[in-house]
């Protein structure tokens, strides 16, 4: 059971239902998605608590691994921010609270806090039907890339898996090859953290995963690990990797993913944030998001 603030407990698999009870009234912000939390808890020190019936989380930064506090909930918000900011300062993590969902809208009416949009952590939201149709000038580039991929490659097939048992080794092999091709000295920590997070998600056996895999001559050349979010119109893409020697493959992968999500009766795909990484921002923007799930940094004045 999640304890009452200021007590915290380390994140465990058994916390899934309780955490989802906190988050289900909000849009599916990627940071507070249980699978995402579990996957990125690579050091095993993420911690959770409950304050004023809000979920409090001690996160690790996705890239730097520095710790910070956040929360999701709309109960006694000003009191929650004051207590959590003071607690964060007392514990040496500064007074900033990060990844606060914009849906806690009435924060904008208070003068007690500085509210700073955190664009690097906005979640990209795509319309599944629109991207699958790829019609009009808006999707001209993606449509051309998809057609080029189809015309340039033979023996291409798409498969969907709800379990990682059959594909775990292929995914890890492709992820290793992708990482080796892009490795740069100033991004080593980023790659290490992501590899560890991917290894953790592949150990889960939840029934609502849909991993879309692209094969060429029976070799995996691209995959997207998606989670169908229950009782919503959303799916969430946790990891997507592809062999970029195949021109247009990312557009084709997303197109195939959208086709599967339509069958799952989902309207929107949360493609998570770009973390301020330039190539991710360029790529995710090129797919034409229809909106963002925005988050803020809050500083107590």
Protein backbone atom coordinates (compact mmCIF):
# COMPACT_ATOMS: atom_id res chain seq x y z
CA UNK A 1 0.00 0.00 0.00
CA UNK A 2 1.24 3.49 -0.84
CA UNK A 3 2.01 5.30 2.44
CA UNK A 4 0.90 8.73 3.55
CA UNK A 5 3.32 11.63 3.09
CA UNK A 6 6.01 12.20 4.32
CA UNK A 7 6.55 8.44 4.27
CA UNK A 8 7.62 6.95 0.93
CA UNK A 9 8.03 3.45 -0.43
CA UNK A 10 10.05 2.17 -3.36
CA UNK A 11 8.06 1.39 -6.49
CA UNK A 12 6.93 -2.23 -6.78
CA UNK A 13 4.94 -4.16 -9.37
CA UNK A 14 2.20 -4.61 -6.80
CA UNK A 15 1.63 -0.81 -6.84
CA UNK A 16 0.20 -0.85 -10.39
CA UNK A 17 -3.52 -0.87 -9.56
CA UNK A 18 -3.21 1.69 -6.80
CA UNK A 19 -1.20 4.09 -8.97
CA UNK A 20 -3.67 3.74 -11.82
CA UNK A 21 -6.49 4.64 -9.43
CA UNK A 22 -4.73 7.97 -8.87
CA UNK A 23 -4.06 8.64 -12.55
CA UNK A 24 -7.19 7.37 -14.33
CA UNK A 25 -9.07 10.69 -14.02
CA UNK A 26 -6.36 12.47 -16.03
CA UNK A 27 -5.12 12.19 -19.59
CA UNK A 28 -2.45 9.48 -19.91
CA UNK A 29 0.65 11.55 -19.17
CA UNK A 30 3.58 9.28 -19.98
CA UNK A 31 5.54 10.06 -16.81
CA UNK A 32 2.75 8.81 -14.53
CA UNK A 33 2.02 5.73 -16.60
CA UNK A 34 2.89 2.75 -14.42
CA UNK A 35 4.76 0.83 -17.13
CA UNK A 36 6.85 3.90 -17.90
CA UNK A 37 7.58 4.48 -14.22
CA UNK A 38 8.59 0.85 -13.75
CA UNK A 39 10.72 0.70 -16.89
CA UNK A 40 12.69 3.86 -16.16
CA UNK A 41 13.28 2.99 -12.51
CA UNK A 42 16.61 1.54 -13.55
CA UNK A 43 18.32 2.24 -10.23
CA UNK A 44 15.43 0.96 -8.11
CA UNK A 45 15.09 4.15 -6.11
CA UNK A 46 11.90 5.70 -7.50
CA UNK A 47 9.54 6.23 -4.58
CA UNK A 48 5.84 6.98 -4.14
CA UNK A 49 3.64 8.52 -1.49
CA UNK A 50 0.14 9.97 -1.06
CA UNK A 51 -0.53 13.55 0.02
CA UNK A 52 -4.04 15.03 0.18
CA UNK A 53 -5.14 12.08 -1.97
CA UNK A 54 -2.64 13.08 -4.68
CA UNK A 55 0.05 10.73 -5.97
CA UNK A 56 3.54 11.95 -5.05
CA UNK A 57 6.52 10.55 -6.97
CA UNK A 58 10.25 10.90 -6.46
CA UNK A 59 11.55 10.57 -10.00
CA UNK A 60 14.96 10.20 -11.55
CA UNK A 61 15.66 12.42 -14.55
CA UNK A 62 15.52 10.28 -17.71
CA UNK A 63 18.94 11.47 -18.88
CA UNK A 64 20.92 12.76 -15.90
CA UNK A 65 19.29 10.45 -13.29
CA UNK A 66 19.11 13.39 -10.86
CA UNK A 67 16.21 13.05 -8.42
CA UNK A 68 13.25 15.41 -8.15
CA UNK A 69 9.66 15.40 -6.85
CA UNK A 70 6.41 15.62 -8.75
CA UNK A 71 2.72 14.87 -8.24
CA UNK A 72 -0.53 14.28 -10.07
CA UNK A 73 -3.88 15.15 -8.54
CA UNK A 74 -6.19 18.11 -8.01
CA UNK A 75 -6.90 17.95 -4.28
CA UNK A 76 -5.71 20.85 -2.10
CA UNK A 77 -3.19 21.74 -4.76
CA UNK A 78 -1.66 24.83 -3.15
CA UNK A 79 -1.20 23.05 0.16
CA UNK A 80 0.31 20.05 -1.63
CA UNK A 81 2.80 22.23 -3.51
CA UNK A 82 3.85 24.07 -0.37
CA UNK A 83 4.43 20.91 1.63
CA UNK A 84 6.18 19.05 -1.17
CA UNK A 85 8.39 22.03 -2.11
CA UNK A 86 9.49 22.46 1.50
CA UNK A 87 10.13 18.72 1.80
CA UNK A 88 12.17 18.71 -1.42
CA UNK A 89 14.27 21.64 -0.20
CA UNK A 90 14.80 20.00 3.18
CA UNK A 91 16.03 16.84 1.48
CA UNK A 92 18.53 18.64 -0.71
CA UNK A 93 16.68 18.45 -4.03
CA UNK A 94 15.77 22.13 -4.32
CA UNK A 95 12.30 23.68 -4.37
CA UNK A 96 11.39 22.93 -8.01
CA UNK A 97 8.60 20.46 -8.68
CA UNK A 98 8.76 19.05 -12.20
CA UNK A 99 6.47 17.26 -14.69
CA UNK A 100 3.31 18.76 -13.17
CA UNK A 101 0.43 18.06 -15.62
CA UNK A 102 -1.14 21.13 -17.17
CA UNK A 103 -4.57 19.69 -16.46
CA UNK A 104 -4.16 21.01 -12.93
CA UNK A 105 -5.32 24.21 -14.61
CA UNK A 106 -6.35 26.36 -11.69
CA UNK A 107 -2.70 26.71 -10.75
CA UNK A 108 -2.65 29.53 -13.28
CA UNK A 109 -4.88 31.61 -11.00
CA UNK A 110 -2.46 31.73 -8.07
CA UNK A 111 0.33 34.22 -7.44
CA UNK A 112 2.08 31.98 -4.94
CA UNK A 113 4.07 30.00 -7.52
CA UNK A 114 6.12 30.53 -10.64
CA UNK A 115 4.83 28.21 -13.38
CA UNK A 116 7.24 27.43 -16.24
CA UNK A 117 6.15 25.32 -19.24
CA UNK A 118 8.54 22.39 -19.68
CA UNK A 119 8.49 21.96 -23.46
CA UNK A 120 11.18 19.28 -23.44
CA UNK A 121 8.74 17.02 -21.60
CA UNK A 122 5.52 17.71 -23.52
CA UNK A 123 3.98 14.42 -24.71
CA UNK A 124 3.33 14.27 -28.48
CA UNK A 125 -0.21 13.13 -29.34
CA UNK A 126 -1.07 11.79 -32.80
CA UNK A 127 -4.48 11.17 -34.32
CA UNK A 128 -4.38 7.48 -35.28
CA UNK A 129 -6.95 7.70 -38.08
CA UNK A 130 -5.38 10.80 -39.63
CA UNK A 131 -1.88 9.36 -39.74
CA UNK A 132 -3.09 6.06 -41.13
CA UNK A 133 -5.00 7.86 -43.89
CA UNK A 134 -2.01 10.18 -44.54
CA UNK A 135 -4.12 12.44 -46.74
CA UNK A 136 -3.55 16.02 -47.81
CA UNK A 137 -0.54 18.32 -47.89
CA UNK A 138 -0.04 18.04 -44.13
CA UNK A 139 1.07 14.43 -44.52
CA UNK A 140 2.73 14.72 -47.92
CA UNK A 141 6.24 14.02 -46.61
CA UNK A 142 5.14 11.01 -44.57
CA UNK A 143 3.08 9.65 -47.47
CA UNK A 144 6.10 9.90 -49.78
CA UNK A 145 8.34 8.19 -47.23
CA UNK A 146 5.87 5.34 -46.75
CA UNK A 147 5.53 4.82 -50.51
CA UNK A 148 9.29 4.96 -51.00
CA UNK A 149 9.81 2.38 -48.28
CA UNK A 150 7.25 0.04 -49.84
CA UNK A 151 8.69 0.37 -53.35
CA UNK A 152 12.32 -0.01 -52.29
CA UNK A 153 12.00 -3.12 -50.15
CA UNK A 154 10.75 -6.61 -50.93
CA UNK A 155 9.64 -9.38 -48.61
CA UNK A 156 8.44 -6.88 -46.01
CA UNK A 157 5.97 -8.14 -43.40
CA UNK A 158 4.31 -6.74 -40.31
CA UNK A 159 3.59 -8.80 -37.23
CA UNK A 160 1.96 -7.88 -33.91
CA UNK A 161 2.79 -9.49 -30.58
CA UNK A 162 1.01 -9.20 -27.22
CA UNK A 163 3.87 -10.97 -25.43
CA UNK A 164 7.61 -10.37 -25.51
CA UNK A 165 8.53 -14.06 -25.30
CA UNK A 166 9.02 -14.60 -29.03
CA UNK A 167 10.63 -11.28 -29.87
CA UNK A 168 12.70 -10.26 -26.87
CA UNK A 169 16.03 -11.37 -28.33
CA UNK A 170 15.34 -9.78 -31.72
CA UNK A 171 14.34 -6.49 -30.08
CA UNK A 172 17.50 -6.37 -27.95
CA UNK A 173 19.66 -7.18 -30.98
CA UNK A 174 18.10 -4.42 -33.09
CA UNK A 175 18.31 -1.98 -30.18
CA UNK A 176 22.03 -2.77 -29.80
CA UNK A 177 22.65 -2.25 -33.52
CA UNK A 178 20.69 1.03 -33.46
CA UNK A 179 22.67 2.26 -30.46
CA UNK A 180 26.02 1.31 -32.01
CA UNK A 181 25.16 3.20 -35.20
CA UNK A 182 24.25 6.39 -33.30
CA UNK A 183 26.74 6.25 -30.45
CA UNK A 184 28.28 9.60 -29.59
CA UNK A 185 30.48 10.38 -26.62
CA UNK A 186 28.18 13.06 -25.22
CA UNK A 187 25.14 10.75 -25.34
CA UNK A 188 26.54 7.60 -23.75
CA UNK A 189 24.54 8.08 -20.52
CA UNK A 190 21.33 8.58 -22.51
CA UNK A 191 21.85 5.31 -24.38
CA UNK A 192 22.77 3.36 -21.25
CA UNK A 193 19.67 4.52 -19.39
CA UNK A 194 17.37 3.73 -22.31
CA UNK A 195 18.87 0.27 -22.78
CA UNK A 196 18.31 -0.53 -19.12
CA UNK A 197 14.73 0.77 -19.30
CA UNK A 198 14.00 -1.35 -22.37
CA UNK A 199 15.39 -4.44 -20.68
CA UNK A 200 13.02 -3.85 -17.77
CA UNK A 201 9.90 -3.48 -19.92
CA UNK A 202 10.72 -6.71 -21.76
CA UNK A 203 10.41 -8.58 -18.46
CA UNK A 204 6.78 -7.54 -18.01
CA UNK A 205 3.93 -9.81 -19.04
CA UNK A 206 0.90 -7.49 -19.04
CA UNK A 207 -1.76 -8.46 -21.56
CA UNK A 208 -2.31 -4.97 -23.01
CA UNK A 209 1.01 -4.67 -24.87
CA UNK A 210 0.90 -4.55 -28.66
CA UNK A 211 4.37 -4.63 -30.19
CA UNK A 212 4.35 -3.87 -33.91
CA UNK A 213 7.31 -5.45 -35.67
CA UNK A 214 8.54 -4.88 -39.23
CA UNK A 215 10.51 -7.68 -40.88
CA UNK A 216 12.56 -7.83 -44.06
CA UNK A 217 13.36 -11.38 -45.16
CA UNK A 218 12.41 -12.54 -41.65
CA UNK A 219 14.90 -10.17 -39.99
CA UNK A 220 13.52 -7.56 -37.57
CA UNK A 221 14.21 -4.07 -38.89
CA UNK A 222 11.81 -2.00 -36.77
CA UNK A 223 9.55 -2.24 -33.75
CA UNK A 224 7.22 -0.12 -31.64
CA UNK A 225 6.20 -1.27 -28.16
CA UNK A 226 2.70 0.06 -27.45
CA UNK A 227 0.47 -0.17 -24.41
CA UNK A 228 -3.30 -0.09 -24.82
CA UNK A 229 -4.54 2.19 -22.03
CA UNK A 230 -7.74 0.68 -20.57
CA UNK A 231 -10.97 2.68 -20.56
CA UNK A 232 -9.51 5.46 -22.72
CA UNK A 233 -9.16 6.34 -26.40
CA UNK A 234 -5.36 6.20 -26.04
CA UNK A 235 -2.41 3.95 -26.63
CA UNK A 236 1.08 4.85 -25.44
CA UNK A 237 4.25 4.09 -27.40
CA UNK A 238 7.01 3.22 -24.94
CA UNK A 239 9.90 2.41 -27.29
CA UNK A 240 10.36 2.54 -31.06
CA UNK A 241 13.54 1.67 -32.92
CA UNK A 242 14.32 0.95 -36.56
CA UNK A 243 17.19 0.32 -38.94
CA UNK A 244 17.54 3.64 -40.76
CA UNK A 245 19.37 2.01 -43.65
CA UNK A 246 15.80 1.39 -44.81
CA UNK A 247 14.71 4.84 -45.96
CA UNK A 248 11.28 5.88 -44.70
CA UNK A 249 11.04 3.07 -42.17
CA UNK A 250 9.94 5.21 -39.23
CA UNK A 251 7.00 6.65 -41.16
CA UNK A 252 6.06 3.14 -42.29
CA UNK A 253 6.40 1.81 -38.72
CA UNK A 254 4.10 4.50 -37.35
CA UNK A 255 1.65 3.92 -40.21
CA UNK A 256 1.50 0.19 -39.41
CA UNK A 257 1.18 0.98 -35.71
CA UNK A 258 -1.79 3.23 -36.40
CA UNK A 259 -3.43 0.48 -38.45
CA UNK A 260 -3.19 -1.88 -35.48
CA UNK A 261 -4.45 0.76 -33.04
CA UNK A 262 -7.51 1.39 -35.22
CA UNK A 263 -8.30 -2.31 -34.85
CA UNK A 264 -7.93 -1.81 -31.09
CA UNK A 265 -10.44 1.06 -31.33
CA UNK A 266 -7.95 3.68 -30.18
CA UNK A 267 -8.11 7.24 -31.52
CA UNK A 268 -4.89 8.71 -30.12
CA UNK A 269 -1.28 7.65 -29.70
CA UNK A 270 0.91 9.21 -27.02
CA UNK A 271 4.44 9.16 -28.49
CA UNK A 272 5.99 10.52 -25.28
CA UNK A 273 8.35 13.50 -25.01
CA UNK A 274 11.51 14.48 -26.89
CA UNK A 275 13.54 15.35 -23.75
CA UNK A 276 15.04 18.30 -25.61
CA UNK A 277 17.02 15.90 -27.83
CA UNK A 278 17.17 17.59 -31.23
CA UNK A 279 16.82 14.53 -33.48
CA UNK A 280 13.85 13.31 -31.41
CA UNK A 281 12.16 16.71 -31.60
CA UNK A 282 12.62 16.86 -35.36
CA UNK A 283 11.35 13.31 -35.86
CA UNK A 284 8.35 13.53 -33.56
CA UNK A 285 7.33 16.92 -34.92
CA UNK A 286 7.50 15.63 -38.50
CA UNK A 287 4.71 13.14 -37.75
CA UNK A 288 2.30 16.05 -37.21
CA UNK A 289 1.02 15.85 -33.62
CA UNK A 290 -2.50 17.15 -33.17
CA UNK A 291 -1.80 18.31 -29.62
CA UNK A 292 0.53 17.94 -26.64
CA UNK A 293 0.02 16.82 -23.07
CA UNK A 294 1.83 19.71 -21.48
CA UNK A 295 3.72 19.73 -18.19
CA UNK A 296 5.09 22.49 -16.01
CA UNK A 297 7.88 23.15 -13.59
CA UNK A 298 6.57 24.86 -10.45
CA UNK A 299 8.69 27.01 -8.16
CA UNK A 300 7.36 28.19 -4.85
CA UNK A 301 7.80 31.96 -4.40
